Amino acid sequence: MKQKAKADSKVVVGTSVGNNQLKSVQTVHTVVFVFRLHPATVDKDLLHCVDVMKDKVNILDVTGTRLESKYEALYASYYVAIKVDSAVLKQAVEVFMSAEVWPNGVFIKRYFRKRDG
């Protein structure tokens, strides 16, 4: 038995300035997991790499959190939280998940917090 393909649901973005009972989210954070970095990588290096991407998308704030590695002498890993305007979230995700903007050999994965905490 063939399954029917789900119809793509179209998203509509509101533009009314007269209806102000509801407010939209103005800024959002997205987090990427950056790993297989050289062990000598410091926060400043990572933030500079992200700063280079600012011409592709308007970044409001960025924070990098170095994670404890099992083998500190072999590699470094970071969570990178990027704050952007909610209207450009899709564009920001496309930029930060693009292989062309990251150095050769660095691994990047979008990070989603577990639902249970």
PDB file of N, CA and C in Angstrom:
ATOM      1  N   MET A   1       0.833  -1.160   0.000  1.00  0.00           N
ATOM      2  CA  MET A   1       0.000   0.000   0.000  1.00  0.00           C
ATOM      3  C   MET A   1       0.896   1.248   0.000  1.00  0.00           C
ATOM      4  N   LYS A   2       0.596   2.176  -0.893  1.00  0.00           N
ATOM      5  CA  LYS A   2       1.370   3.406  -1.008  1.00  0.00           C
ATOM      6  C   LYS A   2       0.934   4.400   0.051  1.00  0.00           C
ATOM      7  N   GLN A   3       1.913   5.073   0.608  1.00  0.00           N
ATOM      8  CA  GLN A   3       1.602   6.126   1.570  1.00  0.00           C
ATOM      9  C   GLN A   3       1.498   7.452   0.827  1.00  0.00           C
ATOM     10  N   LYS A   4       0.563   8.260   1.248  1.00  0.00           N
ATOM     11  CA  LYS A   4       0.420   9.574   0.640  1.00  0.00           C
ATOM     12  C   LYS A   4       1.505  10.494   1.174  1.00  0.00           C
ATOM     13  N   ALA A   5       2.089  11.281   0.294  1.00  0.00           N
ATOM     14  CA  ALA A   5       3.088  12.252   0.722  1.00  0.00           C
ATOM     15  C   ALA A   5       2.394  13.387   1.467  1.00  0.00           C
ATOM     16  N   LYS A   6       3.017  13.837   2.526  1.00  0.00           N
ATOM     17  CA  LYS A   6       2.451  14.942   3.291  1.00  0.00           C
ATOM     18  C   LYS A   6       2.534  16.215   2.465  1.00  0.00           C
ATOM     19  N   ALA A   7       1.488  16.978   2.500  1.00  0.00           N
ATOM     20  CA  ALA A   7       1.487  18.260   1.797  1.00  0.00           C
ATOM     21  C   ALA A   7       2.344  19.239   2.588  1.00  0.00           C
ATOM     22  N   ASP A   8       3.186  19.988   1.868  1.00  0.00           N
ATOM     23  CA  ASP A   8       4.001  21.003   2.526  1.00  0.00           C
ATOM     24  C   ASP A   8       3.098  22.096   3.051  1.00  0.00           C
ATOM     25  N   SER A   9       3.230  22.370   4.322  1.00  0.00           N
ATOM     26  CA  SER A   9       2.425  23.449   4.891  1.00  0.00           C
ATOM     27  C   SER A   9       3.209  24.747   4.750  1.00  0.00           C
ATOM     28  N   LYS A  10       2.563  25.726   4.203  1.00  0.00           N
ATOM     29  CA  LYS A  10       3.199  27.005   3.945  1.00  0.00           C
ATOM     30  C   LYS A  10       3.172  27.849   5.218  1.00  0.00           C
ATOM     31  N   VAL A  11       4.296  28.467   5.531  1.00  0.00           N
ATOM     32  CA  VAL A  11       4.381  29.341   6.689  1.00  0.00           C
ATOM     33  C   VAL A  11       4.125  30.768   6.234  1.00  0.00           C
ATOM     34  N   VAL A  12       3.271  31.452   6.958  1.00  0.00           N
ATOM     35  CA  VAL A  12       2.964  32.852   6.671  1.00  0.00           C
ATOM     36  C   VAL A  12       3.552  33.683   7.802  1.00  0.00           C
ATOM     37  N   VAL A  13       4.252  34.752   7.455  1.00  0.00           N
ATOM     38  CA  VAL A  13       4.836  35.640   8.450  1.00  0.00           C
ATOM     39  C   VAL A  13       4.011  36.907   8.512  1.00  0.00           C
ATOM     40  N   GLY A  14       3.496  37.233   9.697  1.00  0.00           N
ATOM     41  CA  GLY A  14       2.653  38.407   9.868  1.00  0.00           C
ATOM     42  C   GLY A  14       3.410  39.702   9.665  1.00  0.00           C
ATOM     43  N   THR A  15       2.708  40.705   9.112  1.00  0.00           N
ATOM     44  CA  THR A  15       3.316  42.013   8.866  1.00  0.00           C
ATOM     45  C   THR A  15       2.493  43.163   9.415  1.00  0.00           C
ATOM     46  N   SER A  16       1.342  42.889  10.011  1.00  0.00           N
ATOM     47  CA  SER A  16       0.451  43.942  10.491  1.00  0.00           C
ATOM     48  C   SER A  16       1.098  44.721  11.636  1.00  0.00           C
ATOM     49  N   VAL A  17       1.071  46.047  11.528  1.00  0.00           N
ATOM     50  CA  VAL A  17       1.570  46.882  12.614  1.00  0.00           C
ATOM     51  C   VAL A  17       0.413  47.420  13.454  1.00  0.00           C
ATOM     52  N   GLY A  18      -0.811  47.302  12.936  1.00  0.00           N
ATOM     53  CA  GLY A  18      -1.988  47.779  13.656  1.00  0.00           C
ATOM     54  C   GLY A  18      -2.458  46.823  14.724  1.00  0.00           C
ATOM     55  N   ASN A  19      -2.281  45.526  14.515  1.00  0.00           N
ATOM     56  CA  ASN A  19      -2.703  44.515  15.467  1.00  0.00           C
ATOM     57  C   ASN A  19      -1.530  44.248  16.407  1.00  0.00           C
ATOM     58  N   ASN A  20      -1.568  44.850  17.587  1.00  0.00           N
ATOM     59  CA  ASN A  20      -0.427  44.731  18.489  1.00  0.00           C
ATOM     60  C   ASN A  20      -0.753  44.013  19.802  1.00  0.00           C
ATOM     61  N   GLN A  21      -1.802  43.201  19.820  1.00  0.00           N
ATOM     62  CA  GLN A  21      -2.142  42.436  21.017  1.00  0.00           C
ATOM     63  C   GLN A  21      -1.123  41.325  21.271  1.00  0.00           C
ATOM     64  N   LEU A  22      -0.580  40.748  20.207  1.00  0.00           N
ATOM     65  CA  LEU A  22       0.427  39.697  20.324  1.00  0.00           C
ATOM     66  C   LEU A  22       1.778  40.258  19.905  1.00  0.00           C
ATOM     67  N   LYS A  23       2.818  39.727  20.491  1.00  0.00           N
ATOM     68  CA  LYS A  23       4.166  40.138  20.135  1.00  0.00           C
ATOM     69  C   LYS A  23       4.942  38.909  19.676  1.00  0.00           C
ATOM     70  N   SER A  24       5.791  39.109  18.688  1.00  0.00           N
ATOM     71  CA  SER A  24       6.618  38.010  18.210  1.00  0.00           C
ATOM     72  C   SER A  24       7.951  37.991  18.953  1.00  0.00           C
ATOM     73  N   VAL A  25       8.630  36.891  18.871  1.00  0.00           N
ATOM     74  CA  VAL A  25       9.968  36.778  19.437  1.00  0.00           C
ATOM     75  C   VAL A  25      10.892  37.631  18.577  1.00  0.00           C
ATOM     76  N   GLN A  26      11.677  38.475  19.209  1.00  0.00           N
ATOM     77  CA  GLN A  26      12.542  39.378  18.461  1.00  0.00           C
ATOM     78  C   GLN A  26      13.915  38.775  18.180  1.00  0.00           C
ATOM     79  N   THR A  27      14.481  38.077  19.155  1.00  0.00           N
ATOM     80  CA  THR A  27      15.790  37.467  18.968  1.00  0.00           C
ATOM     81  C   THR A  27      15.746  36.015  19.407  1.00  0.00           C
ATOM     82  N   VAL A  28      16.599  35.211  18.807  1.00  0.00           N
ATOM     83  CA  VAL A  28      16.680  33.793  19.153  1.00  0.00           C
ATOM     84  C   VAL A  28      18.143  33.367  19.175  1.00  0.00           C
ATOM     85  N   HIS A  29      18.390  32.280  19.891  1.00  0.00           N
ATOM     86  CA  HIS A  29      19.716  31.683  19.930  1.00  0.00           C
ATOM     87  C   HIS A  29      19.693  30.376  19.155  1.00  0.00           C
ATOM     88  N   THR A  30      20.758  30.116  18.474  1.00  0.00           N
ATOM     89  CA  THR A  30      20.964  28.793  17.909  1.00  0.00           C
ATOM     90  C   THR A  30      22.352  28.360  18.343  1.00  0.00           C
ATOM     91  N   VAL A  31      22.539  27.075  18.543  1.00  0.00           N
ATOM     92  CA  VAL A  31      23.809  26.576  19.056  1.00  0.00           C
ATOM     93  C   VAL A  31      24.388  25.553  18.087  1.00  0.00           C
ATOM     94  N   VAL A  32      25.683  25.689  17.821  1.00  0.00           N
ATOM     95  CA  VAL A  32      26.384  24.700  17.017  1.00  0.00           C
ATOM     96  C   VAL A  32      27.488  24.093  17.867  1.00  0.00           C
ATOM     97  N   PHE A  33      27.763  22.848  17.610  1.00  0.00           N
ATOM     98  CA  PHE A  33      28.812  22.095  18.283  1.00  0.00           C
ATOM     99  C   PHE A  33      29.974  22.056  17.305  1.00  0.00           C
ATOM    100  N   VAL A  34      31.113  22.620  17.682  1.00  0.00           N
ATOM    101  CA  VAL A  34      32.301  22.669  16.827  1.00  0.00           C
ATOM    102  C   VAL A  34      33.349  21.778  17.469  1.00  0.00           C
ATOM    103  N   PHE A  35      33.822  20.784  16.727  1.00  0.00           N
ATOM    104  CA  PHE A  35      34.773  19.851  17.322  1.00  0.00           C
ATOM    105  C   PHE A  35      35.856  19.453  16.340  1.00  0.00           C
ATOM    106  N   ARG A  36      36.831  18.707  16.861  1.00  0.00           N
ATOM    107  CA  ARG A  36      38.043  18.338  16.151  1.00  0.00           C
ATOM    108  C   ARG A  36      38.913  19.558  15.850  1.00  0.00           C
ATOM    109  N   LEU A  37      38.904  20.486  16.799  1.00  0.00           N
ATOM    110  CA  LEU A  37      39.771  21.660  16.708  1.00  0.00           C
ATOM    111  C   LEU A  37      41.140  21.318  17.282  1.00  0.00           C
ATOM    112  N   HIS A  38      42.152  22.053  16.859  1.00  0.00           N
ATOM    113  CA  HIS A  38      43.493  21.876  17.402  1.00  0.00           C
ATOM    114  C   HIS A  38      43.438  22.134  18.908  1.00  0.00           C
ATOM    115  N   PRO A  39      44.170  21.364  19.705  1.00  0.00           N
ATOM    116  CA  PRO A  39      44.094  21.536  21.159  1.00  0.00           C
ATOM    117  C   PRO A  39      44.553  22.908  21.662  1.00  0.00           C
ATOM    118  N   ALA A  40      45.339  23.629  20.870  1.00  0.00           N
ATOM    119  CA  ALA A  40      45.803  24.957  21.283  1.00  0.00           C
ATOM    120  C   ALA A  40      44.776  26.054  20.985  1.00  0.00           C
ATOM    121  N   THR A  41      43.624  25.693  20.432  1.00  0.00           N
ATOM    122  CA  THR A  41      42.577  26.668  20.127  1.00  0.00           C
ATOM    123  C   THR A  41      42.097  27.329  21.410  1.00  0.00           C
ATOM    124  N   VAL A  42      41.954  28.659  21.369  1.00  0.00           N
ATOM    125  CA  VAL A  42      41.437  29.409  22.517  1.00  0.00           C
ATOM    126  C   VAL A  42      40.150  30.107  22.097  1.00  0.00           C
ATOM    127  N   ASP A  43      39.391  30.590  23.074  1.00  0.00           N
ATOM    128  CA  ASP A  43      38.110  31.251  22.807  1.00  0.00           C
ATOM    129  C   ASP A  43      38.247  32.363  21.771  1.00  0.00           C
ATOM    130  N   LYS A  44      39.301  33.154  21.888  1.00  0.00           N
ATOM    131  CA  LYS A  44      39.539  34.278  20.988  1.00  0.00           C
ATOM    132  C   LYS A  44      39.617  33.811  19.526  1.00  0.00           C
ATOM    133  N   ASP A  45      40.272  32.678  19.281  1.00  0.00           N
ATOM    134  CA  ASP A  45      40.386  32.136  17.915  1.00  0.00           C
ATOM    135  C   ASP A  45      39.012  31.787  17.356  1.00  0.00           C
ATOM    136  N   LEU A  46      38.207  31.134  18.166  1.00  0.00           N
ATOM    137  CA  LEU A  46      36.874  30.720  17.734  1.00  0.00           C
ATOM    138  C   LEU A  46      35.984  31.928  17.465  1.00  0.00           C
ATOM    139  N   LEU A  47      36.017  32.913  18.360  1.00  0.00           N
ATOM    140  CA  LEU A  47      35.201  34.112  18.185  1.00  0.00           C
ATOM    141  C   LEU A  47      35.629  34.899  16.946  1.00  0.00           C
ATOM    142  N   HIS A  48      36.931  34.899  16.646  1.00  0.00           N
ATOM    143  CA  HIS A  48      37.409  35.560  15.423  1.00  0.00           C
ATOM    144  C   HIS A  48      36.866  34.849  14.179  1.00  0.00           C
ATOM    145  N   CYS A  49      36.847  33.528  14.211  1.00  0.00           N
ATOM    146  CA  CYS A  49      36.322  32.747  13.087  1.00  0.00           C
ATOM    147  C   CYS A  49      34.857  33.078  12.848  1.00  0.00           C
ATOM    148  N   VAL A  50      34.071  33.179  13.910  1.00  0.00           N
ATOM    149  CA  VAL A  50      32.653  33.518  13.792  1.00  0.00           C
ATOM    150  C   VAL A  50      32.495  34.969  13.337  1.00  0.00           C
ATOM    151  N   ASP A  51      33.364  35.849  13.820  1.00  0.00           N
ATOM    152  CA  ASP A  51      33.302  37.266  13.459  1.00  0.00           C
ATOM    153  C   ASP A  51      33.453  37.456  11.945  1.00  0.00           C
ATOM    154  N   VAL A  52      34.227  36.610  11.298  1.00  0.00           N
ATOM    155  CA  VAL A  52      34.424  36.678   9.844  1.00  0.00           C
ATOM    156  C   VAL A  52      33.106  36.427   9.111  1.00  0.00           C
ATOM    157  N   MET A  53      32.201  35.680   9.730  1.00  0.00           N
ATOM    158  CA  MET A  53      30.931  35.327   9.096  1.00  0.00           C
ATOM    159  C   MET A  53      29.890  36.451   9.201  1.00  0.00           C
ATOM    160  N   LYS A  54      30.196  37.507   9.962  1.00  0.00           N
ATOM    161  CA  LYS A  54      29.218  38.572  10.197  1.00  0.00           C
ATOM    162  C   LYS A  54      28.787  39.289   8.927  1.00  0.00           C
ATOM    163  N   ASP A  55      29.582  39.230   7.876  1.00  0.00           N
ATOM    164  CA  ASP A  55      29.168  39.879   6.631  1.00  0.00           C
ATOM    165  C   ASP A  55      28.088  39.081   5.909  1.00  0.00           C
ATOM    166  N   LYS A  56      27.913  37.815   6.277  1.00  0.00           N
ATOM    167  CA  LYS A  56      26.899  36.965   5.655  1.00  0.00           C
ATOM    168  C   LYS A  56      25.562  37.000   6.397  1.00  0.00           C
ATOM    169  N   VAL A  57      25.598  37.293   7.695  1.00  0.00           N
ATOM    170  CA  VAL A  57      24.387  37.354   8.512  1.00  0.00           C
ATOM    171  C   VAL A  57      24.653  38.285   9.696  1.00  0.00           C
ATOM    172  N   ASN A  58      23.631  39.018  10.110  1.00  0.00           N
ATOM    173  CA  ASN A  58      23.780  39.961  11.216  1.00  0.00           C
ATOM    174  C   ASN A  58      23.715  39.220  12.548  1.00  0.00           C
ATOM    175  N   ILE A  59      24.857  39.072  13.200  1.00  0.00           N
ATOM    176  CA  ILE A  59      24.958  38.376  14.473  1.00  0.00           C
ATOM    177  C   ILE A  59      24.884  39.416  15.587  1.00  0.00           C
ATOM    178  N   LEU A  60      23.963  39.234  16.516  1.00  0.00           N
ATOM    179  CA  LEU A  60      23.811  40.172  17.621  1.00  0.00           C
ATOM    180  C   LEU A  60      24.768  39.870  18.763  1.00  0.00           C
ATOM    181  N   ASP A  61      25.022  38.591  19.004  1.00  0.00           N
ATOM    182  CA  ASP A  61      25.920  38.193  20.086  1.00  0.00           C
ATOM    183  C   ASP A  61      26.400  36.770  19.818  1.00  0.00           C
ATOM    184  N   VAL A  62      27.590  36.465  20.277  1.00  0.00           N
ATOM    185  CA  VAL A  62      28.119  35.109  20.143  1.00  0.00           C
ATOM    186  C   VAL A  62      28.926  34.782  21.396  1.00  0.00           C
ATOM    187  N   THR A  63      28.739  33.559  21.889  1.00  0.00           N
ATOM    188  CA  THR A  63      29.524  33.087  23.022  1.00  0.00           C
ATOM    189  C   THR A  63      30.015  31.687  22.724  1.00  0.00           C
ATOM    190  N   GLY A  64      31.247  31.432  23.063  1.00  0.00           N
ATOM    191  CA  GLY A  64      31.837  30.114  22.878  1.00  0.00           C
ATOM    192  C   GLY A  64      32.154  29.504  24.226  1.00  0.00           C
ATOM    193  N   THR A  65      31.771  28.254  24.404  1.00  0.00           N
ATOM    194  CA  THR A  65      32.039  27.548  25.653  1.00  0.00           C
ATOM    195  C   THR A  65      32.895  26.332  25.345  1.00  0.00           C
ATOM    196  N   ARG A  66      34.118  26.349  25.841  1.00  0.00           N
ATOM    197  CA  ARG A  66      35.009  25.210  25.617  1.00  0.00           C
ATOM    198  C   ARG A  66      34.552  24.038  26.477  1.00  0.00           C
ATOM    199  N   LEU A  67      34.517  22.886  25.862  1.00  0.00           N
ATOM    200  CA  LEU A  67      34.102  21.674  26.563  1.00  0.00           C
ATOM    201  C   LEU A  67      35.320  20.891  27.018  1.00  0.00           C
ATOM    202  N   GLU A  68      35.148  20.133  28.068  1.00  0.00           N
ATOM    203  CA  GLU A  68      36.238  19.300  28.551  1.00  0.00           C
ATOM    204  C   GLU A  68      36.372  18.102  27.611  1.00  0.00           C
ATOM    205  N   SER A  69      37.551  17.924  27.061  1.00  0.00           N
ATOM    206  CA  SER A  69      37.796  16.816  26.133  1.00  0.00           C
ATOM    207  C   SER A  69      38.363  15.616  26.869  1.00  0.00           C
ATOM    208  N   LYS A  70      38.046  14.452  26.387  1.00  0.00           N
ATOM    209  CA  LYS A  70      38.576  13.236  26.991  1.00  0.00           C
ATOM    210  C   LYS A  70      40.092  13.187  26.815  1.00  0.00           C
ATOM    211  N   TYR A  71      40.552  13.642  25.641  1.00  0.00           N
ATOM    212  CA  TYR A  71      41.979  13.674  25.340  1.00  0.00           C
ATOM    213  C   TYR A  71      42.368  15.111  24.998  1.00  0.00           C
ATOM    214  N   GLU A  72      42.612  15.926  26.039  1.00  0.00           N
ATOM    215  CA  GLU A  72      42.904  17.351  25.879  1.00  0.00           C
ATOM    216  C   GLU A  72      44.084  17.615  24.943  1.00  0.00           C
ATOM    217  N   ALA A  73      45.042  16.705  24.881  1.00  0.00           N
ATOM    218  CA  ALA A  73      46.227  16.910  24.047  1.00  0.00           C
ATOM    219  C   ALA A  73      45.948  16.633  22.567  1.00  0.00           C
ATOM    220  N   LEU A  74      44.811  16.020  22.251  1.00  0.00           N
ATOM    221  CA  LEU A  74      44.509  15.650  20.869  1.00  0.00           C
ATOM    222  C   LEU A  74      43.543  16.584  20.164  1.00  0.00           C
ATOM    223  N   TYR A  75      42.546  17.119  20.882  1.00  0.00           N
ATOM    224  CA  TYR A  75      41.542  17.952  20.221  1.00  0.00           C
ATOM    225  C   TYR A  75      40.837  18.850  21.237  1.00  0.00           C
ATOM    226  N   ALA A  76      40.134  19.851  20.692  1.00  0.00           N
ATOM    227  CA  ALA A  76      39.302  20.742  21.501  1.00  0.00           C
ATOM    228  C   ALA A  76      37.914  20.781  20.885  1.00  0.00           C
ATOM    229  N   SER A  77      36.903  21.017  21.733  1.00  0.00           N
ATOM    230  CA  SER A  77      35.516  21.111  21.286  1.00  0.00           C
ATOM    231  C   SER A  77      34.849  22.308  21.955  1.00  0.00           C
ATOM    232  N   TYR A  78      33.885  22.903  21.254  1.00  0.00           N
ATOM    233  CA  TYR A  78      33.169  24.075  21.758  1.00  0.00           C
ATOM    234  C   TYR A  78      31.688  23.986  21.423  1.00  0.00           C
ATOM    235  N   TYR A  79      30.885  24.585  22.309  1.00  0.00           N
ATOM    236  CA  TYR A  79      29.520  24.947  21.966  1.00  0.00           C
ATOM    237  C   TYR A  79      29.592  26.419  21.599  1.00  0.00           C
ATOM    238  N   VAL A  80      28.973  26.786  20.482  1.00  0.00           N
ATOM    239  CA  VAL A  80      28.948  28.179  20.062  1.00  0.00           C
ATOM    240  C   VAL A  80      27.492  28.607  19.986  1.00  0.00           C
ATOM    241  N   ALA A  81      27.103  29.548  20.865  1.00  0.00           N
ATOM    242  CA  ALA A  81      25.739  30.069  20.889  1.00  0.00           C
ATOM    243  C   ALA A  81      25.726  31.382  20.119  1.00  0.00           C
ATOM    244  N   ILE A  82      24.872  31.450  19.111  1.00  0.00           N
ATOM    245  CA  ILE A  82      24.782  32.619  18.248  1.00  0.00           C
ATOM    246  C   ILE A  82      23.405  33.241  18.425  1.00  0.00           C
ATOM    247  N   LYS A  83      23.358  34.526  18.756  1.00  0.00           N
ATOM    248  CA  LYS A  83      22.095  35.240  18.922  1.00  0.00           C
ATOM    249  C   LYS A  83      21.862  36.083  17.675  1.00  0.00           C
ATOM    250  N   VAL A  84      20.683  35.887  17.051  1.00  0.00           N
ATOM    251  CA  VAL A  84      20.329  36.620  15.839  1.00  0.00           C
ATOM    252  C   VAL A  84      18.890  37.088  15.940  1.00  0.00           C
ATOM    253  N   ASP A  85      18.533  38.006  15.074  1.00  0.00           N
ATOM    254  CA  ASP A  85      17.148  38.440  14.963  1.00  0.00           C
ATOM    255  C   ASP A  85      16.329  37.241  14.478  1.00  0.00           C
ATOM    256  N   SER A  86      15.135  37.064  15.017  1.00  0.00           N
ATOM    257  CA  SER A  86      14.327  35.897  14.662  1.00  0.00           C
ATOM    258  C   SER A  86      13.996  35.838  13.175  1.00  0.00           C
ATOM    259  N   ALA A  87      13.950  36.982  12.515  1.00  0.00           N
ATOM    260  CA  ALA A  87      13.622  37.009  11.085  1.00  0.00           C
ATOM    261  C   ALA A  87      14.720  36.403  10.216  1.00  0.00           C
ATOM    262  N   VAL A  88      15.961  36.329  10.724  1.00  0.00           N
ATOM    263  CA  VAL A  88      17.067  35.805   9.916  1.00  0.00           C
ATOM    264  C   VAL A  88      17.601  34.483  10.454  1.00  0.00           C
ATOM    265  N   LEU A  89      16.827  33.813  11.324  1.00  0.00           N
ATOM    266  CA  LEU A  89      17.288  32.549  11.899  1.00  0.00           C
ATOM    267  C   LEU A  89      17.614  31.522  10.825  1.00  0.00           C
ATOM    268  N   LYS A  90      16.741  31.344   9.859  1.00  0.00           N
ATOM    269  CA  LYS A  90      16.975  30.355   8.808  1.00  0.00           C
ATOM    270  C   LYS A  90      18.270  30.663   8.056  1.00  0.00           C
ATOM    271  N   GLN A  91      18.474  31.910   7.712  1.00  0.00           N
ATOM    272  CA  GLN A  91      19.693  32.311   7.013  1.00  0.00           C
ATOM    273  C   GLN A  91      20.923  32.064   7.892  1.00  0.00           C
ATOM    274  N   ALA A  92      20.826  32.373   9.183  1.00  0.00           N
ATOM    275  CA  ALA A  92      21.947  32.172  10.101  1.00  0.00           C
ATOM    276  C   ALA A  92      22.318  30.697  10.201  1.00  0.00           C
ATOM    277  N   VAL A  93      21.323  29.831  10.298  1.00  0.00           N
ATOM    278  CA  VAL A  93      21.583  28.394  10.372  1.00  0.00           C
ATOM    279  C   VAL A  93      22.263  27.924   9.083  1.00  0.00           C
ATOM    280  N   GLU A  94      21.785  28.399   7.940  1.00  0.00           N
ATOM    281  CA  GLU A  94      22.401  28.022   6.663  1.00  0.00           C
ATOM    282  C   GLU A  94      23.860  28.453   6.610  1.00  0.00           C
ATOM    283  N   VAL A  95      24.158  29.655   7.103  1.00  0.00           N
ATOM    284  CA  VAL A  95      25.533  30.151   7.096  1.00  0.00           C
ATOM    285  C   VAL A  95      26.408  29.322   8.020  1.00  0.00           C
ATOM    286  N   PHE A  96      25.954  29.105   9.253  1.00  0.00           N
ATOM    287  CA  PHE A  96      26.781  28.413  10.232  1.00  0.00           C
ATOM    288  C   PHE A  96      26.898  26.912   9.990  1.00  0.00           C
ATOM    289  N   MET A  97      26.022  26.359   9.187  1.00  0.00           N
ATOM    290  CA  MET A  97      26.122  24.940   8.852  1.00  0.00           C
ATOM    291  C   MET A  97      26.752  24.730   7.479  1.00  0.00           C
ATOM    292  N   SER A  98      27.327  25.768   6.918  1.00  0.00           N
ATOM    293  CA  SER A  98      27.971  25.683   5.615  1.00  0.00           C
ATOM    294  C   SER A  98      29.452  25.331   5.789  1.00  0.00           C
ATOM    295  N   ALA A  99      29.915  24.334   5.062  1.00  0.00           N
ATOM    296  CA  ALA A  99      31.311  23.899   5.161  1.00  0.00           C
ATOM    297  C   ALA A  99      32.293  24.975   4.708  1.00  0.00           C
ATOM    298  N   GLU A 100      31.855  25.866   3.825  1.00  0.00           N
ATOM    299  CA  GLU A 100      32.748  26.871   3.259  1.00  0.00           C
ATOM    300  C   GLU A 100      33.185  27.937   4.265  1.00  0.00           C
ATOM    301  N   VAL A 101      32.472  28.116   5.352  1.00  0.00           N
ATOM    302  CA  VAL A 101      32.813  29.174   6.297  1.00  0.00           C
ATOM    303  C   VAL A 101      33.711  28.700   7.439  1.00  0.00           C
ATOM    304  N   TRP A 102      33.902  27.401   7.574  1.00  0.00           N
ATOM    305  CA  TRP A 102      34.721  26.856   8.650  1.00  0.00           C
ATOM    306  C   TRP A 102      36.065  26.379   8.108  1.00  0.00           C
ATOM    307  N   PRO A 103      37.116  26.406   8.938  1.00  0.00           N
ATOM    308  CA  PRO A 103      38.437  25.942   8.496  1.00  0.00           C
ATOM    309  C   PRO A 103      38.431  24.469   8.090  1.00  0.00           C
ATOM    310  N   ASN A 104      39.357  24.120   7.243  1.00  0.00           N
ATOM    311  CA  ASN A 104      39.502  22.763   6.729  1.00  0.00           C
ATOM    312  C   ASN A 104      39.674  21.752   7.869  1.00  0.00           C
ATOM    313  N   GLY A 105      38.863  20.711   7.856  1.00  0.00           N
ATOM    314  CA  GLY A 105      38.983  19.626   8.820  1.00  0.00           C
ATOM    315  C   GLY A 105      38.191  19.784  10.107  1.00  0.00           C
ATOM    316  N   VAL A 106      37.600  20.955  10.337  1.00  0.00           N
ATOM    317  CA  VAL A 106      36.811  21.187  11.547  1.00  0.00           C
ATOM    318  C   VAL A 106      35.423  20.587  11.342  1.00  0.00           C
ATOM    319  N   PHE A 107      34.889  19.921  12.364  1.00  0.00           N
ATOM    320  CA  PHE A 107      33.558  19.323  12.305  1.00  0.00           C
ATOM    321  C   PHE A 107      32.560  20.272  12.962  1.00  0.00           C
ATOM    322  N   ILE A 108      31.379  20.410  12.350  1.00  0.00           N
ATOM    323  CA  ILE A 108      30.325  21.261  12.874  1.00  0.00           C
ATOM    324  C   ILE A 108      29.022  20.486  12.872  1.00  0.00           C
ATOM    325  N   LYS A 109      28.262  20.607  13.948  1.00  0.00           N
ATOM    326  CA  LYS A 109      26.971  19.934  14.036  1.00  0.00           C
ATOM    327  C   LYS A 109      26.031  20.861  14.799  1.00  0.00           C
ATOM    328  N   ARG A 110      24.810  20.973  14.355  1.00  0.00           N
ATOM    329  CA  ARG A 110      23.833  21.782  15.073  1.00  0.00           C
ATOM    330  C   ARG A 110      23.501  21.072  16.375  1.00  0.00           C
ATOM    331  N   TYR A 111      23.404  21.838  17.430  1.00  0.00           N
ATOM    332  CA  TYR A 111      23.158  21.271  18.747  1.00  0.00           C
ATOM    333  C   TYR A 111      21.731  21.557  19.186  1.00  0.00           C
ATOM    334  N   PHE A 112      21.049  20.518  19.625  1.00  0.00           N
ATOM    335  CA  PHE A 112      19.703  20.640  20.173  1.00  0.00           C
ATOM    336  C   PHE A 112      19.705  20.099  21.581  1.00  0.00           C
ATOM    337  N   ARG A 113      19.215  20.881  22.525  1.00  0.00           N
ATOM    338  CA  ARG A 113      19.141  20.449  23.908  1.00  0.00           C
ATOM    339  C   ARG A 113      18.107  19.328  24.030  1.00  0.00           C
ATOM    340  N   LYS A 114      18.381  18.346  24.875  1.00  0.00           N
ATOM    341  CA  LYS A 114      17.433  17.256  25.085  1.00  0.00           C
ATOM    342  C   LYS A 114      16.173  17.792  25.724  1.00  0.00           C
ATOM    343  N   ARG A 115      15.050  17.221  25.342  1.00  0.00           N
ATOM    344  CA  ARG A 115      13.751  17.675  25.853  1.00  0.00           C
ATOM    345  C   ARG A 115      13.619  17.480  27.356  1.00  0.00           C
ATOM    346  N   ASP A 116      14.230  16.439  27.890  1.00  0.00           N
ATOM    347  CA  ASP A 116      14.054  16.149  29.319  1.00  0.00           C
ATOM    348  C   ASP A 116      15.050  16.898  30.199  1.00  0.00           C
ATOM    349  N   GLY A 117      15.710  17.893  29.658  1.00  0.00           N
ATOM    350  CA  GLY A 117      16.569  18.680  30.523  1.00  0.00           C
ATOM    351  C   GLY A 117      17.886  18.956  29.916  1.00  0.00           C
TER     352      GLY A 117
END
